[in-house]
Amino acid sequence: MSDTRARIYRHIESHPGVHFRELTRALDLATGQVQYHLARLDRITSESVNGRTHYYTASFGPWERHAIAFLRRETARDILVTLIGRGAARPSEVTDHLDIARSTLEHHLDGLVKYDIVEKRRDKGRVTLALCRPDLTVELLAAVDPTVPDRLSDRFTRLLDQLFESG
């Protein structure tokens, strides 16, 4: 294995769910160079979630890959941490706790529910949110930290949502 390919593999191994742009930035490599080496790394798998391609070693299953992709996004991560702390919560409790717009919560819930990371329980017309696999979510949370560009993107989205809801 070439030195560049080994660097890419080690970075993905230590940063599961890293997305393509972050990989090129972190390793200071050209996009074509990263594409070339990724195509030849058979121990790497990719997963596209909400328009971003994330990379993983083969040790992660499909549910874990999706969960990690969401944990790399600050707002989705905050939602999951809130549900870890509360066990289950009504959507209004989550939005109040995080000071986010309901539309922001619903945007993230679309993917979280689709990939069975969060479930919406309905009882007598009331919705409660809960983690589908809380123990594994906690375990993955320890392995993943959103990048600065991911955080900035989420904060910008939150700001826009707050402006549109107030105006």
Protein backbone atom coordinates (compact mmCIF):
# COMPACT_ATOMS: atom_id res chain seq x y z
CA MET A 1 0.00 0.00 0.00
CA SER A 2 1.36 3.43 -0.92
CA ASP A 3 2.15 5.98 1.79
CA THR A 4 -0.70 8.26 0.64
CA ARG A 5 -3.20 5.40 0.63
CA ALA A 6 -2.05 4.35 4.11
CA ARG A 7 -2.50 7.94 5.37
CA ILE A 8 -6.02 8.06 3.97
CA TYR A 9 -6.89 4.71 5.55
CA ARG A 10 -5.46 5.71 8.96
CA HIS A 11 -7.37 9.00 8.88
CA ILE A 12 -10.67 7.26 8.11
CA GLU A 13 -9.94 4.66 10.77
CA SER A 14 -9.36 7.33 13.42
CA HIS A 15 -12.17 9.62 12.18
CA PRO A 16 -15.05 7.31 11.23
CA GLY A 17 -17.67 9.02 9.08
CA VAL A 18 -15.33 11.71 7.81
CA HIS A 19 -16.78 13.26 4.68
CA PHE A 20 -14.87 13.72 1.45
CA ARG A 21 -14.10 17.45 1.69
CA GLU A 22 -12.92 17.14 5.26
CA LEU A 23 -10.68 14.24 4.25
CA THR A 24 -9.01 16.31 1.52
CA ARG A 25 -8.59 19.28 3.88
CA ALA A 26 -7.24 17.27 6.81
CA LEU A 27 -4.64 15.48 4.70
CA ASP A 28 -3.91 18.44 2.43
CA LEU A 29 -4.41 16.33 -0.69
CA ALA A 30 -5.96 17.15 -4.06
CA THR A 31 -9.50 15.87 -4.62
CA GLY A 32 -8.42 13.73 -7.59
CA GLN A 33 -5.65 12.17 -5.56
CA VAL A 34 -8.05 11.25 -2.74
CA GLN A 35 -10.61 9.88 -5.24
CA TYR A 36 -7.94 7.73 -6.88
CA HIS A 37 -6.77 6.18 -3.62
CA LEU A 38 -10.26 5.73 -2.18
CA ALA A 39 -11.23 3.73 -5.26
CA ARG A 40 -8.37 1.32 -4.52
CA LEU A 41 -8.99 0.91 -0.79
CA ASP A 42 -11.14 -2.20 -0.56
CA ARG A 43 -11.30 -2.03 3.26
CA ILE A 44 -13.14 1.30 3.09
CA THR A 45 -16.88 1.70 2.63
CA SER A 46 -18.87 4.85 1.95
CA GLU A 47 -22.36 5.97 2.84
CA SER A 48 -24.23 8.94 1.42
CA VAL A 49 -26.42 10.67 4.00
CA ASN A 50 -28.25 13.93 3.32
CA GLY A 51 -26.04 14.86 0.38
CA ARG A 52 -22.67 14.08 1.93
CA THR A 53 -20.56 11.00 1.37
CA HIS A 54 -19.00 9.67 4.55
CA TYR A 55 -16.19 7.09 4.74
CA TYR A 56 -15.72 4.22 7.17
CA THR A 57 -13.60 1.16 7.72
CA ALA A 58 -15.39 -2.10 7.02
CA SER A 59 -15.90 -2.71 10.74
CA PHE A 60 -19.06 -0.55 10.84
CA GLY A 61 -22.48 -1.89 9.90
CA PRO A 62 -25.16 0.12 8.04
CA TRP A 63 -26.97 1.36 11.17
CA GLU A 64 -23.69 2.49 12.75
CA ARG A 65 -22.61 4.29 9.56
CA HIS A 66 -25.87 6.26 9.42
CA ALA A 67 -25.74 7.09 13.14
CA ILE A 68 -22.14 8.30 12.87
CA ALA A 69 -23.02 10.51 9.89
CA PHE A 70 -25.67 12.25 12.01
CA LEU A 71 -23.40 12.45 15.05
CA ARG A 72 -20.94 14.42 12.90
CA ARG A 73 -23.56 17.15 12.49
CA GLU A 74 -23.76 19.43 15.49
CA THR A 75 -27.52 19.94 15.61
CA ALA A 76 -28.37 16.27 15.05
CA ARG A 77 -25.76 15.40 17.67
CA ASP A 78 -27.34 17.86 20.12
CA ILE A 79 -30.75 16.28 19.53
CA LEU A 80 -29.34 12.81 20.20
CA VAL A 81 -27.51 13.95 23.33
CA THR A 82 -30.74 15.51 24.61
CA LEU A 83 -32.58 12.23 24.07
CA ILE A 84 -29.77 10.31 25.77
CA GLY A 85 -30.12 12.55 28.81
CA ARG A 86 -33.91 12.49 28.94
CA GLY A 87 -34.61 8.96 27.73
CA ALA A 88 -37.60 10.26 25.79
CA ALA A 89 -38.93 13.75 25.17
CA ARG A 90 -41.67 15.63 23.45
CA PRO A 91 -40.54 17.66 20.42
CA SER A 92 -41.32 20.94 22.21
CA GLU A 93 -39.02 19.93 25.09
CA VAL A 94 -36.18 19.28 22.64
CA THR A 95 -36.66 22.57 20.78
CA ASP A 96 -36.88 24.53 24.04
CA HIS A 97 -33.82 22.81 25.52
CA LEU A 98 -31.71 23.39 22.40
CA ASP A 99 -33.22 26.76 21.50
CA ILE A 100 -33.85 25.66 17.92
CA ALA A 101 -36.79 26.15 15.60
CA ARG A 102 -39.32 23.37 15.26
CA SER A 103 -38.52 23.27 11.51
CA THR A 104 -34.85 22.63 12.34
CA LEU A 105 -35.80 19.76 14.63
CA GLU A 106 -38.11 18.26 12.00
CA HIS A 107 -35.45 18.59 9.31
CA HIS A 108 -33.03 16.50 11.37
CA LEU A 109 -35.74 14.11 12.57
CA ASP A 110 -36.58 13.23 8.96
CA GLY A 111 -33.23 11.47 8.57
CA LEU A 112 -32.95 10.25 12.16
CA VAL A 113 -36.33 8.53 11.90
CA LYS A 114 -35.72 7.27 8.35
CA TYR A 115 -32.57 5.43 9.47
CA ASP A 116 -34.11 4.10 12.73
CA ILE A 117 -31.90 6.17 14.99
CA VAL A 118 -34.85 7.97 16.60
CA GLU A 119 -38.43 6.84 16.78
CA LYS A 120 -41.55 8.97 17.00
CA ARG A 121 -43.98 7.35 19.42
CA ARG A 122 -47.60 8.44 19.14
CA ASP A 123 -49.96 8.01 22.06
CA LYS A 124 -53.37 9.70 22.10
CA GLY A 125 -52.26 12.36 19.63
CA ARG A 126 -49.07 13.18 21.51
CA VAL A 127 -45.65 12.60 19.99
CA THR A 128 -42.66 11.48 22.04
CA LEU A 129 -39.15 11.09 20.65
CA ALA A 130 -36.84 8.30 21.80
CA LEU A 131 -33.63 6.67 20.67
CA CYS A 132 -34.04 3.31 18.94
CA ARG A 133 -30.69 1.97 20.18
CA PRO A 134 -29.62 4.16 23.13
CA ASP A 135 -26.67 2.06 24.32
CA LEU A 136 -25.06 1.88 20.89
CA THR A 137 -25.76 5.58 20.27
CA VAL A 138 -23.88 6.45 23.48
CA GLU A 139 -20.98 4.22 22.42
CA LEU A 140 -20.75 5.87 18.99
CA LEU A 141 -21.04 9.35 20.49
CA ALA A 142 -17.73 8.85 22.25
CA ALA A 143 -16.01 8.04 18.93
CA VAL A 144 -17.26 11.00 16.89
CA ASP A 145 -16.76 14.74 17.08
CA PRO A 146 -18.19 17.10 14.46
CA THR A 147 -15.66 19.13 12.51
CA VAL A 148 -15.46 22.93 12.61
CA PRO A 149 -16.98 23.31 9.08
CA ASP A 150 -19.86 21.02 10.11
CA ARG A 151 -20.47 23.11 13.24
CA LEU A 152 -20.40 26.37 11.29
CA SER A 153 -22.82 25.02 8.70
CA ASP A 154 -25.25 23.89 11.42
CA ARG A 155 -25.02 27.20 13.27
CA PHE A 156 -25.71 29.12 10.06
CA THR A 157 -28.79 26.95 9.42
CA ARG A 158 -30.01 27.54 12.98
CA LEU A 159 -29.57 31.29 12.55
CA LEU A 160 -31.57 31.30 9.30
CA ASP A 161 -34.35 29.24 10.86
CA GLN A 162 -34.58 31.64 13.81
CA LEU A 163 -34.70 34.64 11.46
CA PHE A 164 -37.48 33.12 9.36
CA GLU A 165 -39.55 32.09 12.37
CA SER A 166 -39.30 35.51 14.00
CA GLY A 167 -39.87 37.51 10.83
